């Protein structure tokens, strides 16, 4: 299914589409859990969970709202890299994601 979530033969669910890193979810995880792989690109995370875009803007990643930014820089940017560039505490980002029901994969 293009652009959606699928289960490849290897037992790992991943997001299809857009090059670069993909958001991955362990095969035993519940489908209703919102799992975040910190090594996945911001682009793929926002594709899987559109609400992350607004949360990131609230946390200081305001450039994500600019047209084309998510589709360009977001394809190679991860949450830890973005946090370091913006000098935003990664722990704060993780806490906010958890408050919104996300499970952080470390």
C-alpha atoms as a PDB file:
ATOM      1  CA  UNK A   1       0.000   0.000   0.000  1.00  0.00           C
ATOM      2  CA  UNK A   2       1.832   3.116  -1.175  1.00  0.00           C
ATOM      3  CA  UNK A   3       2.413   5.667   1.558  1.00  0.00           C
ATOM      4  CA  UNK A   4       0.858   3.448   4.216  1.00  0.00           C
ATOM      5  CA  UNK A   5       1.990   0.956   6.770  1.00  0.00           C
ATOM      6  CA  UNK A   6       2.646  -2.581   5.630  1.00  0.00           C
ATOM      7  CA  UNK A   7       4.179  -5.740   7.076  1.00  0.00           C
ATOM      8  CA  UNK A   8       7.107  -7.057   5.033  1.00  0.00           C
ATOM      9  CA  UNK A   9       8.021 -10.734   5.144  1.00  0.00           C
ATOM     10  CA  UNK A  10      10.769 -10.011   7.718  1.00  0.00           C
ATOM     11  CA  UNK A  11       8.208  -9.335  10.439  1.00  0.00           C
ATOM     12  CA  UNK A  12       8.934  -5.617  10.778  1.00  0.00           C
ATOM     13  CA  UNK A  13       6.310  -3.046   9.958  1.00  0.00           C
ATOM     14  CA  UNK A  14       7.629  -0.031   8.099  1.00  0.00           C
ATOM     15  CA  UNK A  15       6.353   3.010   6.320  1.00  0.00           C
ATOM     16  CA  UNK A  16       6.406   2.703   2.576  1.00  0.00           C
ATOM     17  CA  UNK A  17       7.513   5.494   0.312  1.00  0.00           C
ATOM     18  CA  UNK A  18       9.875   8.494   0.482  1.00  0.00           C
ATOM     19  CA  UNK A  19      13.604   7.523   0.512  1.00  0.00           C
ATOM     20  CA  UNK A  20      15.893   7.741   3.477  1.00  0.00           C
ATOM     21  CA  UNK A  21      15.263   6.142   6.815  1.00  0.00           C
ATOM     22  CA  UNK A  22      11.853   4.708   7.461  1.00  0.00           C
ATOM     23  CA  UNK A  23       9.916   4.561  10.710  1.00  0.00           C
ATOM     24  CA  UNK A  24      10.060   0.942  11.898  1.00  0.00           C
ATOM     25  CA  UNK A  25       7.987  -0.867  14.419  1.00  0.00           C
ATOM     26  CA  UNK A  26       8.812  -4.234  15.975  1.00  0.00           C
ATOM     27  CA  UNK A  27       6.581  -7.086  14.849  1.00  0.00           C
ATOM     28  CA  UNK A  28       4.952  -7.876  18.219  1.00  0.00           C
ATOM     29  CA  UNK A  29       3.953  -4.256  18.804  1.00  0.00           C
ATOM     30  CA  UNK A  30       0.266  -3.471  18.917  1.00  0.00           C
ATOM     31  CA  UNK A  31      -1.111  -1.727  15.846  1.00  0.00           C
ATOM     32  CA  UNK A  32      -2.850   0.858  18.031  1.00  0.00           C
ATOM     33  CA  UNK A  33       0.413   1.857  19.761  1.00  0.00           C
ATOM     34  CA  UNK A  34       2.036   4.971  18.427  1.00  0.00           C
ATOM     35  CA  UNK A  35       5.714   3.985  18.292  1.00  0.00           C
ATOM     36  CA  UNK A  36       8.530   6.417  17.563  1.00  0.00           C
ATOM     37  CA  UNK A  37      11.922   5.254  16.310  1.00  0.00           C
ATOM     38  CA  UNK A  38      14.356   8.078  17.091  1.00  0.00           C
ATOM     39  CA  UNK A  39      16.512   6.998  14.139  1.00  0.00           C
ATOM     40  CA  UNK A  40      13.670   7.500  11.644  1.00  0.00           C
ATOM     41  CA  UNK A  41      13.486  10.682   9.592  1.00  0.00           C
ATOM     42  CA  UNK A  42      11.154  13.455  10.691  1.00  0.00           C
ATOM     43  CA  UNK A  43       9.516  13.119   7.257  1.00  0.00           C
ATOM     44  CA  UNK A  44       8.592   9.469   7.828  1.00  0.00           C
ATOM     45  CA  UNK A  45       7.463  10.113  11.413  1.00  0.00           C
ATOM     46  CA  UNK A  46       5.181  12.940  10.290  1.00  0.00           C
ATOM     47  CA  UNK A  47       3.869  10.714   7.507  1.00  0.00           C
ATOM     48  CA  UNK A  48       2.905   8.060  10.035  1.00  0.00           C
ATOM     49  CA  UNK A  49       1.688  10.489  12.701  1.00  0.00           C
ATOM     50  CA  UNK A  50       0.740  13.919  11.272  1.00  0.00           C
ATOM     51  CA  UNK A  51       0.205  15.336  14.779  1.00  0.00           C
ATOM     52  CA  UNK A  52       3.979  15.225  15.349  1.00  0.00           C
ATOM     53  CA  UNK A  53       4.383  18.179  12.975  1.00  0.00           C
ATOM     54  CA  UNK A  54       2.337  20.488  15.215  1.00  0.00           C
ATOM     55  CA  UNK A  55       3.997  19.173  18.380  1.00  0.00           C
ATOM     56  CA  UNK A  56       7.425  19.869  16.911  1.00  0.00           C
ATOM     57  CA  UNK A  57       6.385  23.413  15.999  1.00  0.00           C
ATOM     58  CA  UNK A  58       5.176  23.940  19.592  1.00  0.00           C
ATOM     59  CA  UNK A  59       8.563  22.756  20.870  1.00  0.00           C
ATOM     60  CA  UNK A  60      10.480  25.282  18.764  1.00  0.00           C
ATOM     61  CA  UNK A  61      10.921  23.513  15.436  1.00  0.00           C
ATOM     62  CA  UNK A  62       8.967  26.277  13.688  1.00  0.00           C
ATOM     63  CA  UNK A  63      10.720  25.749  10.335  1.00  0.00           C
ATOM     64  CA  UNK A  64       8.812  22.497   9.949  1.00  0.00           C
ATOM     65  CA  UNK A  65       5.736  24.580   9.118  1.00  0.00           C
ATOM     66  CA  UNK A  66       7.445  26.313   6.182  1.00  0.00           C
ATOM     67  CA  UNK A  67       6.334  24.992   2.789  1.00  0.00           C
ATOM     68  CA  UNK A  68       8.711  22.332   1.496  1.00  0.00           C
ATOM     69  CA  UNK A  69      10.814  22.099   4.653  1.00  0.00           C
ATOM     70  CA  UNK A  70       9.414  18.755   5.769  1.00  0.00           C
ATOM     71  CA  UNK A  71       9.800  17.323   2.265  1.00  0.00           C
ATOM     72  CA  UNK A  72      13.417  18.490   1.951  1.00  0.00           C
ATOM     73  CA  UNK A  73      15.312  18.682   5.252  1.00  0.00           C
ATOM     74  CA  UNK A  74      12.794  16.407   6.950  1.00  0.00           C
ATOM     75  CA  UNK A  75      13.866  13.489   4.762  1.00  0.00           C
ATOM     76  CA  UNK A  76      17.290  13.290   6.417  1.00  0.00           C
ATOM     77  CA  UNK A  77      16.673  14.975   9.775  1.00  0.00           C
ATOM     78  CA  UNK A  78      16.006  12.842  12.857  1.00  0.00           C
ATOM     79  CA  UNK A  79      14.579  14.070  16.157  1.00  0.00           C
ATOM     80  CA  UNK A  80      17.948  13.803  17.983  1.00  0.00           C
ATOM     81  CA  UNK A  81      19.751  15.701  15.185  1.00  0.00           C
ATOM     82  CA  UNK A  82      17.078  18.391  15.086  1.00  0.00           C
ATOM     83  CA  UNK A  83      17.156  18.730  18.871  1.00  0.00           C
ATOM     84  CA  UNK A  84      20.926  19.200  18.812  1.00  0.00           C
ATOM     85  CA  UNK A  85      20.737  21.793  16.014  1.00  0.00           C
ATOM     86  CA  UNK A  86      17.986  23.768  17.758  1.00  0.00           C
ATOM     87  CA  UNK A  87      19.495  23.245  21.223  1.00  0.00           C
ATOM     88  CA  UNK A  88      16.248  21.708  22.455  1.00  0.00           C
ATOM     89  CA  UNK A  89      16.537  19.077  25.183  1.00  0.00           C
ATOM     90  CA  UNK A  90      15.824  15.664  23.659  1.00  0.00           C
ATOM     91  CA  UNK A  91      14.438  14.560  27.029  1.00  0.00           C
ATOM     92  CA  UNK A  92      11.784  17.284  26.774  1.00  0.00           C
ATOM     93  CA  UNK A  93      10.832  16.089  23.288  1.00  0.00           C
ATOM     94  CA  UNK A  94      10.550  12.502  24.529  1.00  0.00           C
ATOM     95  CA  UNK A  95       8.441  13.604  27.511  1.00  0.00           C
ATOM     96  CA  UNK A  96       6.050  15.553  25.275  1.00  0.00           C
ATOM     97  CA  UNK A  97       5.720  12.619  22.880  1.00  0.00           C
ATOM     98  CA  UNK A  98       4.975  10.265  25.788  1.00  0.00           C
ATOM     99  CA  UNK A  99       2.369  12.728  27.132  1.00  0.00           C
ATOM    100  CA  UNK A 100       0.621  12.416  23.765  1.00  0.00           C
ATOM    101  CA  UNK A 101       0.576   8.635  23.901  1.00  0.00           C
ATOM    102  CA  UNK A 102       3.711   7.768  21.929  1.00  0.00           C
ATOM    103  CA  UNK A 103       6.044   4.924  22.856  1.00  0.00           C
ATOM    104  CA  UNK A 104       9.717   5.837  22.311  1.00  0.00           C
ATOM    105  CA  UNK A 105      11.909   3.091  20.869  1.00  0.00           C
ATOM    106  CA  UNK A 106      15.483   3.545  22.088  1.00  0.00           C
END
